[in-house]
Amino acid sequence: MTRPVRPRQKATLAAIFGGIAFLRRKPTMLGAISLDLFAVLLGGATAMLPMFATDILHAGPWGLGLLRAAPAVGALLVAAILARHPLGHHAGRWMFASVAVFGVATILFGLSRSIGASVLMLAILGGADVISVMVRGALVQLGTPDEMRGRVSAVNMLFIGSSNQLGEFESGMLAAVMGPVAAVVLGGIGTLVITGVWMGLFPGLRKLDRLEDITTDTL
C-alpha cells in the first residue's frame, strides 16, 4: 500500500519558523524541550572533567577516562532498565524528578574529592538524563502532527546542540572567574532552581501521565 504524496510547501518564513510557532501553542512540549535546554546549559559538569581529574581528584589520565565513561555507562544501564520496565504513570513527574537528580548529582560531583564517588555521581547524572530525554522524545514524536514533525524535531535538535555547546562555554567562563568547583556546584544549584520554576510555569508537563496516551490532541 502506497502512502499519498504530500505536496511540497513553499519555503516561506512561516514554513521555516513553523516549528517554533507550533511549540508556542503547545506549552507542555515547549516546557519539556526548554527544561532540558536550561538544565544542560547550567549543569555542564562534563566540560570540567580534565581539570577535575588532574587538579582536584589527582587521578591522572586513567581517572579522566573513567570520568568520561561514567555518564555513558549510567545512561546505558538506565536505558536497559527502561526498555524492560517502561515508565507507567506520572511521566511528567518522572521528568522533573530526573532533572532534579541531575542537578543534585552535579553538585555532589563538584564537592567530591574521591574518584570513586565522582564516577558514581557522573553515572547517576547520565542515567537521570536518559529519563528526561526519553520523555521529551516521546512528546515530540507522539504529540506532533505528521506535517510538522520534521520542523519540530529540528527545533528540538537545535536546542539539544546549543545547550551542550553553550553549557561548556558557560562552565568554562565561570571556572575562569570562580574556579571549577564553584562553577560546577553553582551550575547544579541553577539546575534545581530551573526545575522548580518550570514546575510552576508548565503545570501541564507536571501533570503529564502515561506516554502511551499522548496524541496531537491531548497536548
N, C-alpha and C. Protein backbone atom coordinates (compact mmCIF):
# COMPACT_ATOMS: atom_id res chain seq x y z
N MET A 1 0.85 -1.19 0.00
CA MET A 1 0.00 0.00 0.00
C MET A 1 0.88 1.25 0.00
N THR A 2 0.68 2.10 -0.97
CA THR A 2 1.48 3.31 -1.08
C THR A 2 0.79 4.46 -0.36
N ARG A 3 1.59 5.26 0.33
CA ARG A 3 1.05 6.42 1.03
C ARG A 3 0.94 7.58 0.06
N PRO A 4 -0.09 8.40 0.20
CA PRO A 4 -0.24 9.55 -0.70
C PRO A 4 0.91 10.53 -0.51
N VAL A 5 1.37 11.09 -1.60
CA VAL A 5 2.47 12.05 -1.57
C VAL A 5 1.92 13.42 -1.22
N ARG A 6 2.46 14.02 -0.17
CA ARG A 6 2.01 15.35 0.23
C ARG A 6 2.67 16.40 -0.67
N PRO A 7 1.94 17.41 -1.06
CA PRO A 7 2.54 18.47 -1.87
C PRO A 7 3.59 19.24 -1.08
N ARG A 8 4.68 19.59 -1.75
CA ARG A 8 5.76 20.33 -1.10
C ARG A 8 5.30 21.76 -0.80
N GLN A 9 5.62 22.24 0.40
CA GLN A 9 5.29 23.60 0.75
C GLN A 9 6.36 24.55 0.23
N LYS A 10 5.94 25.77 -0.07
CA LYS A 10 6.90 26.77 -0.48
C LYS A 10 7.76 27.18 0.72
N ALA A 11 9.00 27.53 0.45
CA ALA A 11 9.93 27.90 1.51
C ALA A 11 9.68 29.34 1.95
N THR A 12 8.59 29.56 2.68
CA THR A 12 8.27 30.88 3.20
C THR A 12 8.80 31.00 4.62
N LEU A 13 8.83 32.24 5.13
CA LEU A 13 9.26 32.43 6.51
C LEU A 13 8.34 31.70 7.48
N ALA A 14 7.06 31.68 7.18
CA ALA A 14 6.10 30.97 8.04
C ALA A 14 6.41 29.49 8.10
N ALA A 15 6.81 28.92 6.95
CA ALA A 15 7.15 27.50 6.94
C ALA A 15 8.45 27.22 7.67
N ILE A 16 9.44 28.12 7.50
CA ILE A 16 10.73 27.92 8.14
C ILE A 16 10.62 27.97 9.66
N PHE A 17 9.84 28.92 10.16
CA PHE A 17 9.68 29.08 11.61
C PHE A 17 8.42 28.40 12.12
N GLY A 18 7.89 27.48 11.31
CA GLY A 18 6.66 26.80 11.71
C GLY A 18 6.82 25.96 12.96
N GLY A 19 8.01 25.35 13.15
CA GLY A 19 8.25 24.54 14.34
C GLY A 19 8.19 25.36 15.60
N ILE A 20 8.77 26.56 15.58
CA ILE A 20 8.75 27.43 16.75
C ILE A 20 7.33 27.90 17.04
N ALA A 21 6.60 28.26 15.98
CA ALA A 21 5.21 28.70 16.16
C ALA A 21 4.35 27.58 16.73
N PHE A 22 4.60 26.35 16.28
CA PHE A 22 3.84 25.21 16.79
C PHE A 22 4.12 25.00 18.28
N LEU A 23 5.39 25.07 18.69
CA LEU A 23 5.74 24.87 20.09
C LEU A 23 5.13 25.93 20.99
N ARG A 24 4.96 27.14 20.49
CA ARG A 24 4.35 28.19 21.29
C ARG A 24 2.90 27.87 21.61
N ARG A 25 2.28 27.07 20.77
CA ARG A 25 0.88 26.66 21.01
C ARG A 25 0.80 25.39 21.84
N LYS A 26 1.93 24.76 22.12
CA LYS A 26 1.96 23.51 22.88
C LYS A 26 2.87 23.69 24.11
N PRO A 27 2.36 24.30 25.17
CA PRO A 27 3.22 24.61 26.32
C PRO A 27 3.83 23.38 26.98
N THR A 28 3.14 22.25 26.96
CA THR A 28 3.71 21.05 27.57
C THR A 28 4.97 20.62 26.84
N MET A 29 4.92 20.60 25.52
CA MET A 29 6.09 20.22 24.74
C MET A 29 7.19 21.27 24.85
N LEU A 30 6.81 22.53 24.80
CA LEU A 30 7.79 23.60 24.94
C LEU A 30 8.48 23.53 26.30
N GLY A 31 7.72 23.23 27.35
CA GLY A 31 8.30 23.11 28.67
C GLY A 31 9.31 21.99 28.75
N ALA A 32 9.01 20.85 28.13
CA ALA A 32 9.93 19.71 28.16
C ALA A 32 11.23 20.03 27.42
N ILE A 33 11.12 20.65 26.25
CA ILE A 33 12.31 20.95 25.46
C ILE A 33 13.16 22.02 26.14
N SER A 34 12.52 23.07 26.64
CA SER A 34 13.28 24.16 27.25
C SER A 34 13.85 23.75 28.61
N LEU A 35 13.16 22.86 29.34
CA LEU A 35 13.71 22.36 30.61
C LEU A 35 15.04 21.66 30.39
N ASP A 36 15.09 20.80 29.39
CA ASP A 36 16.34 20.12 29.09
C ASP A 36 17.41 21.10 28.64
N LEU A 37 17.01 22.10 27.86
CA LEU A 37 17.96 23.11 27.39
C LEU A 37 18.66 23.79 28.56
N PHE A 38 17.88 24.31 29.51
CA PHE A 38 18.48 25.06 30.61
C PHE A 38 19.17 24.16 31.62
N ALA A 39 18.67 22.94 31.80
CA ALA A 39 19.31 22.01 32.73
C ALA A 39 20.71 21.67 32.26
N VAL A 40 20.86 21.34 30.98
CA VAL A 40 22.18 21.01 30.45
C VAL A 40 23.05 22.25 30.34
N LEU A 41 22.43 23.39 30.03
CA LEU A 41 23.18 24.64 29.92
C LEU A 41 23.84 25.00 31.24
N LEU A 42 23.12 24.82 32.34
CA LEU A 42 23.65 25.20 33.65
C LEU A 42 24.46 24.09 34.30
N GLY A 43 24.08 22.84 34.03
CA GLY A 43 24.74 21.72 34.70
C GLY A 43 25.79 21.04 33.85
N GLY A 44 26.57 21.82 33.11
CA GLY A 44 27.56 21.24 32.20
C GLY A 44 28.86 20.86 32.89
N ALA A 45 28.80 19.88 33.80
CA ALA A 45 30.00 19.48 34.55
C ALA A 45 31.02 18.77 33.68
N THR A 46 30.57 18.13 32.61
CA THR A 46 31.50 17.33 31.80
C THR A 46 32.59 18.16 31.15
N ALA A 47 32.35 19.46 30.94
CA ALA A 47 33.39 20.30 30.36
C ALA A 47 34.58 20.47 31.32
N MET A 48 34.35 20.25 32.60
CA MET A 48 35.39 20.45 33.61
C MET A 48 36.15 19.17 33.94
N LEU A 49 35.84 18.07 33.28
CA LEU A 49 36.43 16.79 33.67
C LEU A 49 37.95 16.76 33.61
N PRO A 50 38.61 17.28 32.57
CA PRO A 50 40.08 17.25 32.59
C PRO A 50 40.68 17.97 33.80
N MET A 51 40.09 19.10 34.17
CA MET A 51 40.61 19.85 35.31
C MET A 51 40.36 19.10 36.62
N PHE A 52 39.18 18.48 36.74
CA PHE A 52 38.89 17.72 37.95
C PHE A 52 39.82 16.52 38.07
N ALA A 53 40.04 15.82 36.97
CA ALA A 53 40.89 14.63 37.01
C ALA A 53 42.32 14.98 37.39
N THR A 54 42.82 16.11 36.91
CA THR A 54 44.22 16.47 37.13
C THR A 54 44.43 17.21 38.44
N ASP A 55 43.65 18.27 38.67
CA ASP A 55 43.95 19.19 39.77
C ASP A 55 43.18 18.92 41.06
N ILE A 56 42.03 18.26 40.97
CA ILE A 56 41.19 18.09 42.15
C ILE A 56 41.19 16.65 42.64
N LEU A 57 40.99 15.71 41.73
CA LEU A 57 40.97 14.31 42.12
C LEU A 57 42.34 13.67 42.04
N HIS A 58 43.27 14.30 41.33
CA HIS A 58 44.64 13.80 41.18
C HIS A 58 44.65 12.34 40.70
N ALA A 59 43.83 12.09 39.69
CA ALA A 59 43.66 10.73 39.18
C ALA A 59 44.43 10.48 37.90
N GLY A 60 44.87 11.53 37.22
CA GLY A 60 45.65 11.35 36.01
C GLY A 60 44.82 10.90 34.82
N PRO A 61 45.47 10.43 33.77
CA PRO A 61 44.77 10.05 32.54
C PRO A 61 43.76 8.92 32.73
N TRP A 62 44.11 7.92 33.55
CA TRP A 62 43.17 6.82 33.75
C TRP A 62 41.90 7.30 34.46
N GLY A 63 42.07 8.23 35.38
CA GLY A 63 40.91 8.79 36.07
C GLY A 63 40.02 9.59 35.12
N LEU A 64 40.65 10.33 34.22
CA LEU A 64 39.88 11.08 33.24
C LEU A 64 39.08 10.13 32.35
N GLY A 65 39.69 9.01 31.99
CA GLY A 65 38.97 8.03 31.19
C GLY A 65 37.75 7.49 31.91
N LEU A 66 37.90 7.20 33.22
CA LEU A 66 36.75 6.73 34.00
C LEU A 66 35.67 7.79 34.09
N LEU A 67 36.08 9.03 34.31
CA LEU A 67 35.10 10.12 34.41
C LEU A 67 34.36 10.32 33.09
N ARG A 68 35.09 10.23 31.99
CA ARG A 68 34.47 10.40 30.69
C ARG A 68 33.46 9.29 30.39
N ALA A 69 33.78 8.08 30.82
CA ALA A 69 32.92 6.93 30.50
C ALA A 69 31.72 6.82 31.42
N ALA A 70 31.81 7.39 32.63
CA ALA A 70 30.77 7.18 33.63
C ALA A 70 29.38 7.62 33.18
N PRO A 71 29.18 8.82 32.60
CA PRO A 71 27.82 9.19 32.18
C PRO A 71 27.24 8.23 31.15
N ALA A 72 28.07 7.75 30.23
CA ALA A 72 27.58 6.81 29.21
C ALA A 72 27.19 5.47 29.84
N VAL A 73 27.96 5.01 30.82
CA VAL A 73 27.63 3.75 31.50
C VAL A 73 26.31 3.90 32.25
N GLY A 74 26.15 5.00 32.96
CA GLY A 74 24.89 5.23 33.66
C GLY A 74 23.71 5.32 32.72
N ALA A 75 23.91 6.00 31.60
CA ALA A 75 22.85 6.12 30.61
C ALA A 75 22.48 4.76 30.03
N LEU A 76 23.48 3.93 29.76
CA LEU A 76 23.23 2.61 29.20
C LEU A 76 22.44 1.74 30.17
N LEU A 77 22.80 1.79 31.44
CA LEU A 77 22.10 0.98 32.44
C LEU A 77 20.65 1.40 32.58
N VAL A 78 20.40 2.70 32.66
CA VAL A 78 19.03 3.19 32.80
C VAL A 78 18.22 2.91 31.53
N ALA A 79 18.84 3.05 30.37
CA ALA A 79 18.14 2.75 29.12
C ALA A 79 17.74 1.28 29.06
N ALA A 80 18.61 0.40 29.53
CA ALA A 80 18.28 -1.03 29.56
C ALA A 80 17.12 -1.31 30.51
N ILE A 81 17.11 -0.62 31.65
CA ILE A 81 16.01 -0.80 32.61
C ILE A 81 14.70 -0.28 32.02
N LEU A 82 14.74 0.87 31.36
CA LEU A 82 13.52 1.43 30.76
C LEU A 82 13.01 0.56 29.61
N ALA A 83 13.93 -0.08 28.90
CA ALA A 83 13.49 -0.97 27.81
C ALA A 83 12.72 -2.17 28.37
N ARG A 84 13.11 -2.61 29.56
CA ARG A 84 12.44 -3.76 30.20
C ARG A 84 11.25 -3.32 31.02
N HIS A 85 11.34 -2.14 31.64
CA HIS A 85 10.27 -1.64 32.51
C HIS A 85 9.97 -0.19 32.14
N PRO A 86 9.16 0.05 31.12
CA PRO A 86 8.86 1.42 30.68
C PRO A 86 8.15 2.21 31.78
N LEU A 87 8.25 3.53 31.68
CA LEU A 87 7.52 4.38 32.61
C LEU A 87 6.03 4.14 32.48
N GLY A 88 5.35 4.04 33.59
CA GLY A 88 3.90 3.88 33.57
C GLY A 88 3.22 5.22 33.70
N HIS A 89 2.70 5.48 34.87
CA HIS A 89 2.02 6.75 35.13
C HIS A 89 3.02 7.82 35.57
N HIS A 90 2.52 9.07 35.59
CA HIS A 90 3.26 10.22 36.11
C HIS A 90 4.56 10.48 35.35
N ALA A 91 4.50 10.43 34.02
CA ALA A 91 5.70 10.66 33.21
C ALA A 91 6.27 12.06 33.43
N GLY A 92 5.39 13.05 33.58
CA GLY A 92 5.86 14.41 33.81
C GLY A 92 6.61 14.55 35.11
N ARG A 93 6.10 13.93 36.17
CA ARG A 93 6.79 13.98 37.46
C ARG A 93 8.14 13.26 37.38
N TRP A 94 8.17 12.16 36.64
CA TRP A 94 9.43 11.45 36.46
C TRP A 94 10.45 12.35 35.76
N MET A 95 9.98 13.13 34.80
CA MET A 95 10.91 14.01 34.09
C MET A 95 11.48 15.07 35.02
N PHE A 96 10.61 15.72 35.80
CA PHE A 96 11.09 16.73 36.72
C PHE A 96 12.01 16.12 37.77
N ALA A 97 11.66 14.93 38.25
CA ALA A 97 12.50 14.26 39.25
C ALA A 97 13.87 13.93 38.67
N SER A 98 13.90 13.49 37.42
CA SER A 98 15.18 13.13 36.81
C SER A 98 16.07 14.36 36.63
N VAL A 99 15.48 15.50 36.27
CA VAL A 99 16.27 16.72 36.12
C VAL A 99 16.79 17.19 37.48
N ALA A 100 15.95 17.02 38.52
CA ALA A 100 16.40 17.37 39.87
C ALA A 100 17.55 16.47 40.31
N VAL A 101 17.45 15.17 40.02
CA VAL A 101 18.55 14.25 40.34
C VAL A 101 19.81 14.65 39.57
N PHE A 102 19.64 15.06 38.31
CA PHE A 102 20.76 15.55 37.51
C PHE A 102 21.45 16.70 38.22
N GLY A 103 20.66 17.65 38.74
CA GLY A 103 21.24 18.79 39.44
C GLY A 103 21.94 18.40 40.72
N VAL A 104 21.32 17.52 41.52
CA VAL A 104 21.93 17.08 42.78
C VAL A 104 23.23 16.32 42.50
N ALA A 105 23.21 15.44 41.51
CA ALA A 105 24.42 14.69 41.17
C ALA A 105 25.54 15.62 40.70
N THR A 106 25.17 16.68 40.00
CA THR A 106 26.17 17.67 39.57
C THR A 106 26.81 18.35 40.78
N ILE A 107 25.98 18.73 41.74
CA ILE A 107 26.50 19.38 42.95
C ILE A 107 27.44 18.44 43.70
N LEU A 108 27.01 17.19 43.91
CA LEU A 108 27.82 16.24 44.66
C LEU A 108 29.12 15.91 43.92
N PHE A 109 29.06 15.87 42.59
CA PHE A 109 30.29 15.67 41.83
C PHE A 109 31.27 16.82 42.07
N GLY A 110 30.74 18.04 42.06
CA GLY A 110 31.61 19.19 42.27
C GLY A 110 32.26 19.20 43.64
N LEU A 111 31.56 18.67 44.65
CA LEU A 111 32.08 18.66 46.01
C LEU A 111 32.95 17.45 46.32
N SER A 112 32.89 16.43 45.48
CA SER A 112 33.60 15.18 45.75
C SER A 112 35.11 15.34 45.62
N ARG A 113 35.82 14.62 46.49
CA ARG A 113 37.28 14.55 46.38
C ARG A 113 37.74 13.11 46.21
N SER A 114 36.81 12.23 45.92
CA SER A 114 37.09 10.80 45.73
C SER A 114 36.78 10.42 44.30
N ILE A 115 37.69 9.73 43.64
CA ILE A 115 37.47 9.33 42.26
C ILE A 115 36.28 8.37 42.16
N GLY A 116 36.12 7.48 43.16
CA GLY A 116 35.00 6.55 43.13
C GLY A 116 33.66 7.26 43.25
N ALA A 117 33.55 8.20 44.19
CA ALA A 117 32.31 8.95 44.36
C ALA A 117 32.02 9.81 43.13
N SER A 118 33.06 10.38 42.56
CA SER A 118 32.87 11.23 41.38
C SER A 118 32.36 10.42 40.20
N VAL A 119 32.93 9.23 40.00
CA VAL A 119 32.45 8.36 38.92
C VAL A 119 31.01 7.96 39.15
N LEU A 120 30.65 7.65 40.40
CA LEU A 120 29.27 7.28 40.71
C LEU A 120 28.32 8.43 40.43
N MET A 121 28.68 9.65 40.82
CA MET A 121 27.80 10.80 40.59
C MET A 121 27.61 11.05 39.09
N LEU A 122 28.66 10.89 38.32
CA LEU A 122 28.54 11.08 36.88
C LEU A 122 27.68 10.00 36.24
N ALA A 123 27.76 8.78 36.76
CA ALA A 123 26.91 7.71 36.25
C ALA A 123 25.44 7.99 36.56
N ILE A 124 25.17 8.47 37.77
CA ILE A 124 23.80 8.85 38.14
C ILE A 124 23.32 9.99 37.27
N LEU A 125 24.19 10.95 37.03
CA LEU A 125 23.87 12.10 36.17
C LEU A 125 23.48 11.63 34.77
N GLY A 126 24.27 10.72 34.20
CA GLY A 126 23.97 10.21 32.86
C GLY A 126 22.68 9.41 32.82
N GLY A 127 22.42 8.61 33.86
CA GLY A 127 21.18 7.85 33.90
C GLY A 127 19.96 8.73 34.03
N ALA A 128 20.05 9.77 34.86
CA ALA A 128 18.93 10.70 35.01
C ALA A 128 18.63 11.42 33.71
N ASP A 129 19.66 11.76 32.97
CA ASP A 129 19.47 12.47 31.71
C ASP A 129 18.70 11.62 30.71
N VAL A 130 18.90 10.31 30.73
CA VAL A 130 18.19 9.43 29.80
C VAL A 130 16.67 9.51 30.01
N ILE A 131 16.24 9.60 31.26
CA ILE A 131 14.80 9.65 31.53
C ILE A 131 14.19 10.91 30.94
N SER A 132 14.82 12.05 31.16
CA SER A 132 14.27 13.29 30.61
C SER A 132 14.31 13.29 29.09
N VAL A 133 15.37 12.73 28.50
CA VAL A 133 15.47 12.65 27.04
C VAL A 133 14.36 11.75 26.48
N MET A 134 14.08 10.66 27.17
CA MET A 134 13.06 9.74 26.70
C MET A 134 11.67 10.38 26.74
N VAL A 135 11.35 11.07 27.82
CA VAL A 135 10.05 11.74 27.92
C VAL A 135 9.93 12.82 26.87
N ARG A 136 10.97 13.62 26.71
CA ARG A 136 10.94 14.68 25.71
C ARG A 136 10.79 14.11 24.31
N GLY A 137 11.53 13.05 24.00
CA GLY A 137 11.43 12.45 22.68
C GLY A 137 10.04 11.91 22.39
N ALA A 138 9.40 11.30 23.39
CA ALA A 138 8.05 10.79 23.20
C ALA A 138 7.07 11.93 22.94
N LEU A 139 7.24 13.04 23.66
CA LEU A 139 6.36 14.19 23.44
C LEU A 139 6.49 14.72 22.02
N VAL A 140 7.73 14.84 21.55
CA VAL A 140 7.95 15.39 20.20
C VAL A 140 7.40 14.46 19.13
N GLN A 141 7.64 13.16 19.27
CA GLN A 141 7.24 12.22 18.23
C GLN A 141 5.74 11.93 18.24
N LEU A 142 5.16 11.78 19.42
CA LEU A 142 3.75 11.40 19.51
C LEU A 142 2.81 12.59 19.51
N GLY A 143 3.29 13.74 19.96
CA GLY A 143 2.41 14.90 20.07
C GLY A 143 2.46 15.86 18.91
N THR A 144 3.21 15.52 17.86
CA THR A 144 3.36 16.41 16.71
C THR A 144 2.70 15.81 15.48
N PRO A 145 1.88 16.55 14.76
CA PRO A 145 1.29 16.03 13.52
C PRO A 145 2.36 15.68 12.49
N ASP A 146 2.02 14.79 11.59
CA ASP A 146 2.99 14.33 10.59
C ASP A 146 3.63 15.48 9.83
N GLU A 147 2.81 16.46 9.44
CA GLU A 147 3.32 17.53 8.59
C GLU A 147 4.23 18.50 9.34
N MET A 148 4.22 18.45 10.70
CA MET A 148 5.05 19.35 11.49
C MET A 148 6.22 18.65 12.16
N ARG A 149 6.29 17.32 12.08
CA ARG A 149 7.25 16.58 12.89
C ARG A 149 8.69 16.93 12.53
N GLY A 150 8.98 17.11 11.27
CA GLY A 150 10.34 17.43 10.87
C GLY A 150 10.79 18.77 11.41
N ARG A 151 9.92 19.78 11.34
CA ARG A 151 10.29 21.11 11.81
C ARG A 151 10.41 21.15 13.33
N VAL A 152 9.50 20.48 14.02
CA VAL A 152 9.58 20.45 15.49
C VAL A 152 10.82 19.67 15.94
N SER A 153 11.12 18.57 15.25
CA SER A 153 12.32 17.81 15.58
C SER A 153 13.58 18.64 15.34
N ALA A 154 13.55 19.48 14.30
CA ALA A 154 14.70 20.35 14.02
C ALA A 154 14.91 21.35 15.15
N VAL A 155 13.82 21.92 15.66
CA VAL A 155 13.93 22.84 16.80
C VAL A 155 14.47 22.10 18.01
N ASN A 156 13.97 20.90 18.23
CA ASN A 156 14.44 20.09 19.36
C ASN A 156 15.94 19.82 19.26
N MET A 157 16.40 19.44 18.08
CA MET A 157 17.83 19.16 17.90
C MET A 157 18.67 20.44 18.05
N LEU A 158 18.11 21.56 17.62
CA LEU A 158 18.80 22.84 17.79
C LEU A 158 18.99 23.14 19.28
N PHE A 159 17.93 22.90 20.06
CA PHE A 159 18.01 23.14 21.49
C PHE A 159 19.05 22.21 22.13
N ILE A 160 19.06 20.94 21.73
CA ILE A 160 20.00 19.97 22.30
C ILE A 160 21.44 20.36 21.98
N GLY A 161 21.71 20.65 20.70
CA GLY A 161 23.07 21.00 20.30
C GLY A 161 23.55 22.29 20.94
N SER A 162 22.69 23.29 20.96
CA SER A 162 23.11 24.58 21.52
C SER A 162 23.31 24.49 23.02
N SER A 163 22.48 23.70 23.72
CA SER A 163 22.64 23.59 25.18
C SER A 163 23.96 22.92 25.53
N ASN A 164 24.36 21.91 24.78
CA ASN A 164 25.64 21.25 25.06
C ASN A 164 26.82 22.20 24.84
N GLN A 165 26.82 22.87 23.71
CA GLN A 165 27.94 23.76 23.40
C GLN A 165 27.96 24.99 24.30
N LEU A 166 26.82 25.63 24.48
CA LEU A 166 26.77 26.81 25.33
C LEU A 166 27.01 26.45 26.78
N GLY A 167 26.59 25.25 27.19
CA GLY A 167 26.83 24.81 28.55
C GLY A 167 28.32 24.68 28.83
N GLU A 168 29.07 24.16 27.89
CA GLU A 168 30.52 24.05 28.07
C GLU A 168 31.16 25.44 28.13
N PHE A 169 30.66 26.35 27.29
CA PHE A 169 31.18 27.72 27.34
C PHE A 169 30.88 28.37 28.69
N GLU A 170 29.64 28.19 29.16
CA GLU A 170 29.24 28.78 30.45
C GLU A 170 30.07 28.21 31.59
N SER A 171 30.30 26.90 31.57
CA SER A 171 31.09 26.27 32.63
C SER A 171 32.53 26.78 32.62
N GLY A 172 33.12 26.86 31.43
CA GLY A 172 34.49 27.36 31.34
C GLY A 172 34.61 28.81 31.76
N MET A 173 33.62 29.62 31.40
CA MET A 173 33.65 31.04 31.77
C MET A 173 33.56 31.20 33.29
N LEU A 174 32.64 30.46 33.93
CA LEU A 174 32.51 30.54 35.38
C LEU A 174 33.75 29.99 36.09
N ALA A 175 34.31 28.91 35.54
CA ALA A 175 35.50 28.33 36.15
C ALA A 175 36.67 29.30 36.12
N ALA A 176 36.77 30.08 35.06
CA ALA A 176 37.84 31.07 34.97
C ALA A 176 37.68 32.17 36.01
N VAL A 177 36.43 32.43 36.41
CA VAL A 177 36.17 33.51 37.36
C VAL A 177 36.24 33.02 38.81
N MET A 178 35.60 31.87 39.09
CA MET A 178 35.47 31.42 40.49
C MET A 178 36.05 30.05 40.77
N GLY A 179 36.66 29.41 39.76
CA GLY A 179 37.23 28.09 39.96
C GLY A 179 36.27 27.00 39.54
N PRO A 180 36.80 25.81 39.21
CA PRO A 180 35.95 24.74 38.67
C PRO A 180 34.94 24.20 39.67
N VAL A 181 35.32 24.07 40.94
CA VAL A 181 34.40 23.51 41.93
C VAL A 181 33.18 24.41 42.10
N ALA A 182 33.41 25.69 42.32
CA ALA A 182 32.30 26.63 42.49
C ALA A 182 31.44 26.69 41.23
N ALA A 183 32.07 26.62 40.06
CA ALA A 183 31.31 26.68 38.80
C ALA A 183 30.38 25.49 38.66
N VAL A 184 30.87 24.28 38.98
CA VAL A 184 30.05 23.08 38.86
C VAL A 184 28.93 23.09 39.90
N VAL A 185 29.26 23.44 41.14
CA VAL A 185 28.24 23.46 42.20
C VAL A 185 27.17 24.51 41.89
N LEU A 186 27.58 25.68 41.45
CA LEU A 186 26.61 26.72 41.10
C LEU A 186 25.73 26.28 39.94
N GLY A 187 26.31 25.58 38.97
CA GLY A 187 25.52 25.07 37.85
C GLY A 187 24.47 24.07 38.31
N GLY A 188 24.84 23.18 39.24
CA GLY A 188 23.87 22.23 39.77
C GLY A 188 22.75 22.90 40.52
N ILE A 189 23.10 23.93 41.31
CA ILE A 189 22.07 24.69 42.02
C ILE A 189 21.14 25.38 41.02
N GLY A 190 21.71 25.94 39.97
CA GLY A 190 20.89 26.56 38.93
C GLY A 190 19.93 25.58 38.28
N THR A 191 20.38 24.34 38.08
CA THR A 191 19.50 23.31 37.50
C THR A 191 18.32 23.04 38.42
N LEU A 192 18.56 22.98 39.72
CA LEU A 192 17.47 22.76 40.68
C LEU A 192 16.50 23.94 40.68
N VAL A 193 17.02 25.15 40.59
CA VAL A 193 16.15 26.33 40.55
C VAL A 193 15.28 26.30 39.30
N ILE A 194 15.89 25.99 38.16
CA ILE A 194 15.14 25.91 36.91
C ILE A 194 14.04 24.85 37.00
N THR A 195 14.36 23.71 37.62
CA THR A 195 13.36 22.66 37.78
C THR A 195 12.15 23.15 38.56
N GLY A 196 12.40 23.85 39.67
CA GLY A 196 11.30 24.37 40.47
C GLY A 196 10.48 25.42 39.73
N VAL A 197 11.16 26.31 39.03
CA VAL A 197 10.46 27.35 38.27
C VAL A 197 9.61 26.74 37.16
N TRP A 198 10.17 25.76 36.44
CA TRP A 198 9.45 25.14 35.32
C TRP A 198 8.23 24.34 35.80
N MET A 199 8.29 23.79 37.01
CA MET A 199 7.13 23.08 37.55
C MET A 199 5.96 24.03 37.74
N GLY A 200 6.26 25.29 38.07
CA GLY A 200 5.20 26.28 38.21
C GLY A 200 4.75 26.87 36.88
N LEU A 201 5.69 27.04 35.95
CA LEU A 201 5.35 27.64 34.66
C LEU A 201 4.61 26.69 33.73
N PHE A 202 4.87 25.39 33.84
CA PHE A 202 4.29 24.42 32.91
C PHE A 202 3.56 23.32 33.69
N PRO A 203 2.40 23.65 34.26
CA PRO A 203 1.65 22.65 35.04
C PRO A 203 1.21 21.46 34.18
N GLY A 204 0.98 21.69 32.89
CA GLY A 204 0.59 20.59 32.02
C GLY A 204 1.67 19.53 31.92
N LEU A 205 2.93 19.95 31.91
CA LEU A 205 4.03 19.00 31.87
C LEU A 205 4.13 18.25 33.19
N ARG A 206 3.92 18.96 34.28
CA ARG A 206 3.97 18.32 35.60
C ARG A 206 2.87 17.26 35.74
N LYS A 207 1.71 17.51 35.13
CA LYS A 207 0.57 16.60 35.26
C LYS A 207 0.55 15.51 34.18
N LEU A 208 1.53 15.52 33.27
CA LEU A 208 1.57 14.53 32.21
C LEU A 208 1.59 13.12 32.80
N ASP A 209 0.72 12.24 32.29
CA ASP A 209 0.60 10.92 32.89
C ASP A 209 1.28 9.85 32.02
N ARG A 210 0.53 9.09 31.26
CA ARG A 210 1.08 7.98 30.50
C ARG A 210 1.56 8.46 29.13
N LEU A 211 2.79 8.09 28.77
CA LEU A 211 3.31 8.47 27.46
C LEU A 211 2.53 7.81 26.34
N GLU A 212 1.99 6.60 26.61
CA GLU A 212 1.25 5.88 25.57
C GLU A 212 -0.03 6.61 25.17
N ASP A 213 -0.51 7.51 26.02
CA ASP A 213 -1.77 8.20 25.74
C ASP A 213 -1.57 9.54 25.03
N ILE A 214 -0.32 9.91 24.74
CA ILE A 214 -0.04 11.17 24.09
C ILE A 214 -0.51 11.13 22.64
N THR A 215 -1.26 12.11 22.25
CA THR A 215 -1.65 12.32 20.85
C THR A 215 -1.52 13.81 20.53
N THR A 216 -1.73 14.14 19.28
CA THR A 216 -1.66 15.54 18.89
C THR A 216 -2.78 16.35 19.50
N ASP A 217 -3.84 15.70 19.97
CA ASP A 217 -4.99 16.40 20.53
C ASP A 217 -4.94 16.51 22.05
N THR A 218 -4.05 15.76 22.72
CA THR A 218 -4.01 15.78 24.17
C THR A 218 -3.05 16.80 24.74
N LEU A 219 -2.19 17.40 23.92
CA LEU A 219 -1.24 18.40 24.43
C LEU A 219 -1.75 19.80 24.19
